[in-house]
């Protein structure tokens, strides 16, 4: 019995270490956020470039020209293709998968399952106008702390400064620490 508890504790600790290396750590519970009420999945289809991301998004370290492309998938799912270029070597990297809304009545609360991941992660669209910006949030709470991903995306590789500042204010209003965002590198990217 004792060895079973040791195995479970070991798995929990390994999971915590993996989470700590993948996401931004914060004390407290996940912020209570509102998602886009009238989210239109089909209008969201297309390519979305990363403009800002939360610090400590480890799986993106050393990469530039990051974007995600969303399209119609199988059986009502959303097809997902993530793309990046290794900043040091210039080698491209991509990962496919799918997204789905566990509750069809709340289509902005998506789960994304990538071929490179064991678990589906949250992908909550807080706001978007489908033409210039999208604000995306993911948070996993554990006891008295949480691990977050947050992104500001755009269908173009740049976003006007006013648009960036407006989105950062909206993140702050949602209880998300906007000071933890870093700028994504979209400079010197090929024409997509």
Protein backbone atom coordinates (compact mmCIF):
# COMPACT_ATOMS: atom_id res chain seq x y z
CA UNK A 1 0.00 0.00 0.00
CA UNK A 2 2.82 2.35 0.87
CA UNK A 3 4.52 1.84 -2.51
CA UNK A 4 1.24 2.72 -4.32
CA UNK A 5 1.05 6.03 -2.44
CA UNK A 6 4.69 6.70 -3.31
CA UNK A 7 4.00 6.10 -7.01
CA UNK A 8 0.99 8.44 -6.93
CA UNK A 9 2.97 11.13 -5.10
CA UNK A 10 5.78 10.73 -7.63
CA UNK A 11 3.37 11.13 -10.55
CA UNK A 12 1.80 14.23 -8.98
CA UNK A 13 5.22 15.79 -8.39
CA UNK A 14 6.32 14.96 -11.94
CA UNK A 15 3.15 16.57 -13.25
CA UNK A 16 3.77 19.69 -11.17
CA UNK A 17 7.33 19.97 -12.44
CA UNK A 18 6.12 19.61 -16.02
CA UNK A 19 3.47 22.27 -15.45
CA UNK A 20 5.96 24.62 -13.84
CA UNK A 21 8.26 24.37 -16.83
CA UNK A 22 5.46 24.85 -19.35
CA UNK A 23 3.37 27.67 -17.94
CA UNK A 24 3.64 30.89 -15.96
CA UNK A 25 3.24 30.18 -12.24
CA UNK A 26 1.08 32.47 -10.08
CA UNK A 27 -0.09 32.33 -6.48
CA UNK A 28 -3.82 32.13 -5.93
CA UNK A 29 -6.68 30.70 -7.87
CA UNK A 30 -7.20 31.08 -11.60
CA UNK A 31 -8.80 34.40 -12.45
CA UNK A 32 -12.52 34.27 -13.08
CA UNK A 33 -12.78 35.36 -16.69
CA UNK A 34 -15.63 35.99 -19.09
CA UNK A 35 -15.39 34.45 -22.56
CA UNK A 36 -16.82 35.92 -25.74
CA UNK A 37 -20.59 35.38 -25.49
CA UNK A 38 -21.43 35.12 -29.17
CA UNK A 39 -18.28 33.35 -30.31
CA UNK A 40 -18.54 32.21 -33.94
CA UNK A 41 -16.22 29.28 -34.54
CA UNK A 42 -16.40 29.51 -38.33
CA UNK A 43 -15.58 33.23 -38.34
CA UNK A 44 -12.49 32.37 -36.26
CA UNK A 45 -11.13 29.99 -38.90
CA UNK A 46 -7.89 31.12 -40.51
CA UNK A 47 -4.34 31.98 -39.50
CA UNK A 48 -3.62 33.79 -36.21
CA UNK A 49 -0.13 35.16 -35.54
CA UNK A 50 1.22 35.46 -32.02
CA UNK A 51 1.69 39.13 -31.05
CA UNK A 52 2.16 38.77 -27.27
CA UNK A 53 2.42 35.73 -25.02
CA UNK A 54 2.80 35.13 -21.33
CA UNK A 55 6.35 34.81 -20.07
CA UNK A 56 7.58 31.30 -19.35
CA UNK A 57 5.72 29.69 -22.21
CA UNK A 58 8.66 27.26 -22.36
CA UNK A 59 7.58 25.27 -25.41
CA UNK A 60 7.85 28.49 -27.45
CA UNK A 61 11.30 29.56 -26.18
CA UNK A 62 13.78 29.95 -29.02
CA UNK A 63 11.09 30.13 -31.72
CA UNK A 64 9.82 32.94 -33.89
CA UNK A 65 7.19 33.50 -36.59
CA UNK A 66 4.69 31.59 -34.46
CA UNK A 67 1.15 31.18 -35.72
CA UNK A 68 -1.80 28.84 -35.40
CA UNK A 69 -4.22 27.98 -38.16
CA UNK A 70 -7.79 26.89 -37.49
CA UNK A 71 -10.09 25.17 -39.98
CA UNK A 72 -13.07 22.85 -40.22
CA UNK A 73 -12.16 19.46 -38.80
CA UNK A 74 -13.72 16.03 -38.57
CA UNK A 75 -17.13 15.53 -36.95
CA UNK A 76 -17.64 19.13 -35.89
CA UNK A 77 -14.15 19.55 -34.49
CA UNK A 78 -11.80 22.39 -35.37
CA UNK A 79 -8.57 21.47 -37.15
CA UNK A 80 -5.48 23.01 -35.52
CA UNK A 81 -2.02 23.51 -37.02
CA UNK A 82 0.65 25.30 -34.98
CA UNK A 83 3.77 26.55 -36.78
CA UNK A 84 7.06 28.12 -35.66
CA UNK A 85 10.61 28.65 -36.89
CA UNK A 86 13.64 27.86 -34.74
CA UNK A 87 15.27 31.28 -34.29
CA UNK A 88 18.79 29.82 -34.16
CA UNK A 89 18.66 27.31 -37.03
CA UNK A 90 15.81 28.54 -39.22
CA UNK A 91 14.24 25.08 -39.16
CA UNK A 92 10.43 25.01 -39.22
CA UNK A 93 8.39 23.12 -36.63
CA UNK A 94 4.72 22.29 -36.79
CA UNK A 95 2.23 20.38 -34.70
CA UNK A 96 -1.29 19.39 -35.66
CA UNK A 97 -4.32 18.50 -33.65
CA UNK A 98 -7.90 19.48 -33.07
CA UNK A 99 -10.07 21.63 -30.84
CA UNK A 100 -13.59 21.12 -29.57
CA UNK A 101 -16.07 22.79 -27.23
CA UNK A 102 -16.97 20.37 -24.38
CA UNK A 103 -20.15 22.39 -23.88
CA UNK A 104 -21.58 23.46 -27.27
CA UNK A 105 -23.57 26.19 -25.50
CA UNK A 106 -20.25 27.89 -24.60
CA UNK A 107 -18.30 27.63 -27.88
CA UNK A 108 -15.58 30.07 -26.74
CA UNK A 109 -14.41 27.59 -24.06
CA UNK A 110 -12.42 25.21 -26.22
CA UNK A 111 -10.13 22.30 -25.46
CA UNK A 112 -7.14 21.77 -27.76
CA UNK A 113 -5.56 18.36 -28.24
CA UNK A 114 -2.22 18.44 -30.08
CA UNK A 115 -0.42 15.40 -31.42
CA UNK A 116 2.58 16.34 -29.25
CA UNK A 117 0.62 16.44 -25.98
CA UNK A 118 -0.89 13.81 -23.70
CA UNK A 119 -3.71 16.04 -22.47
CA UNK A 120 -6.13 18.52 -24.03
CA UNK A 121 -5.55 22.04 -22.76
CA UNK A 122 -7.97 24.88 -22.27
CA UNK A 123 -8.18 27.49 -25.02
CA UNK A 124 -10.68 30.12 -23.96
CA UNK A 125 -11.35 32.99 -26.34
CA UNK A 126 -11.93 36.01 -24.11
CA UNK A 127 -12.54 38.43 -26.95
CA UNK A 128 -12.05 38.78 -30.69
CA UNK A 129 -13.34 40.89 -33.57
CA UNK A 130 -12.23 38.13 -36.02
CA UNK A 131 -10.37 40.72 -38.15
CA UNK A 132 -7.64 42.33 -36.02
CA UNK A 133 -7.22 40.62 -32.63
CA UNK A 134 -8.03 37.65 -30.41
CA UNK A 135 -7.38 37.31 -26.67
CA UNK A 136 -6.84 33.72 -25.51
CA UNK A 137 -6.56 32.41 -21.95
CA UNK A 138 -5.72 29.07 -20.35
CA UNK A 139 -5.34 28.42 -16.64
CA UNK A 140 -4.91 25.31 -14.51
CA UNK A 141 -5.46 25.75 -10.79
CA UNK A 142 -3.84 23.52 -8.17
CA UNK A 143 -4.53 24.18 -4.50
CA UNK A 144 -3.28 27.75 -3.78
CA UNK A 145 -1.55 28.47 -7.08
CA UNK A 146 -2.15 28.35 -10.80
CA UNK A 147 -0.34 27.95 -14.12
CA UNK A 148 -1.37 30.19 -17.00
CA UNK A 149 -0.97 30.71 -20.71
CA UNK A 150 -2.26 33.94 -22.25
CA UNK A 151 -1.91 35.16 -25.81
CA UNK A 152 -2.75 38.15 -27.93
CA UNK A 153 -3.17 37.03 -31.54
CA UNK A 154 -3.79 38.78 -34.85
CA UNK A 155 -4.50 37.64 -38.44
CA UNK A 156 -1.52 39.82 -39.41
CA UNK A 157 2.05 39.67 -38.11
CA UNK A 158 1.72 43.08 -36.48
CA UNK A 159 -0.90 44.89 -34.47
CA UNK A 160 -1.12 48.66 -34.03
CA UNK A 161 0.13 49.92 -30.64
CA UNK A 162 -3.35 51.19 -29.74
CA UNK A 163 -4.78 47.72 -30.35
CA UNK A 164 -2.10 46.13 -28.17
CA UNK A 165 -2.71 48.59 -25.32
CA UNK A 166 -6.48 48.10 -25.55
CA UNK A 167 -6.05 44.31 -25.33
CA UNK A 168 -3.67 44.62 -22.37
CA UNK A 169 -6.27 46.75 -20.55
CA UNK A 170 -8.90 44.09 -21.27
CA UNK A 171 -6.60 41.37 -19.89
CA UNK A 172 -6.06 43.46 -16.72
CA UNK A 173 -9.82 44.01 -16.41
CA UNK A 174 -10.23 40.21 -16.57
CA UNK A 175 -7.83 39.79 -13.62
CA UNK A 176 -4.86 38.70 -15.74
CA UNK A 177 -1.49 40.30 -14.93
CA UNK A 178 -0.65 42.17 -18.15
CA UNK A 179 2.90 42.90 -16.96
CA UNK A 180 3.80 39.26 -17.59
CA UNK A 181 3.32 39.48 -21.36
CA UNK A 182 6.32 39.47 -23.68
CA UNK A 183 6.42 40.42 -27.33
CA UNK A 184 6.52 37.60 -29.86
CA UNK A 185 9.19 37.72 -32.56
CA UNK A 186 7.54 38.14 -35.96
CA UNK A 187 10.52 39.95 -37.54
CA UNK A 188 12.26 38.51 -40.60
CA UNK A 189 9.59 35.87 -41.14
CA UNK A 190 8.84 34.45 -44.57
CA UNK A 191 5.72 35.56 -46.41
CA UNK A 192 2.90 33.31 -45.26
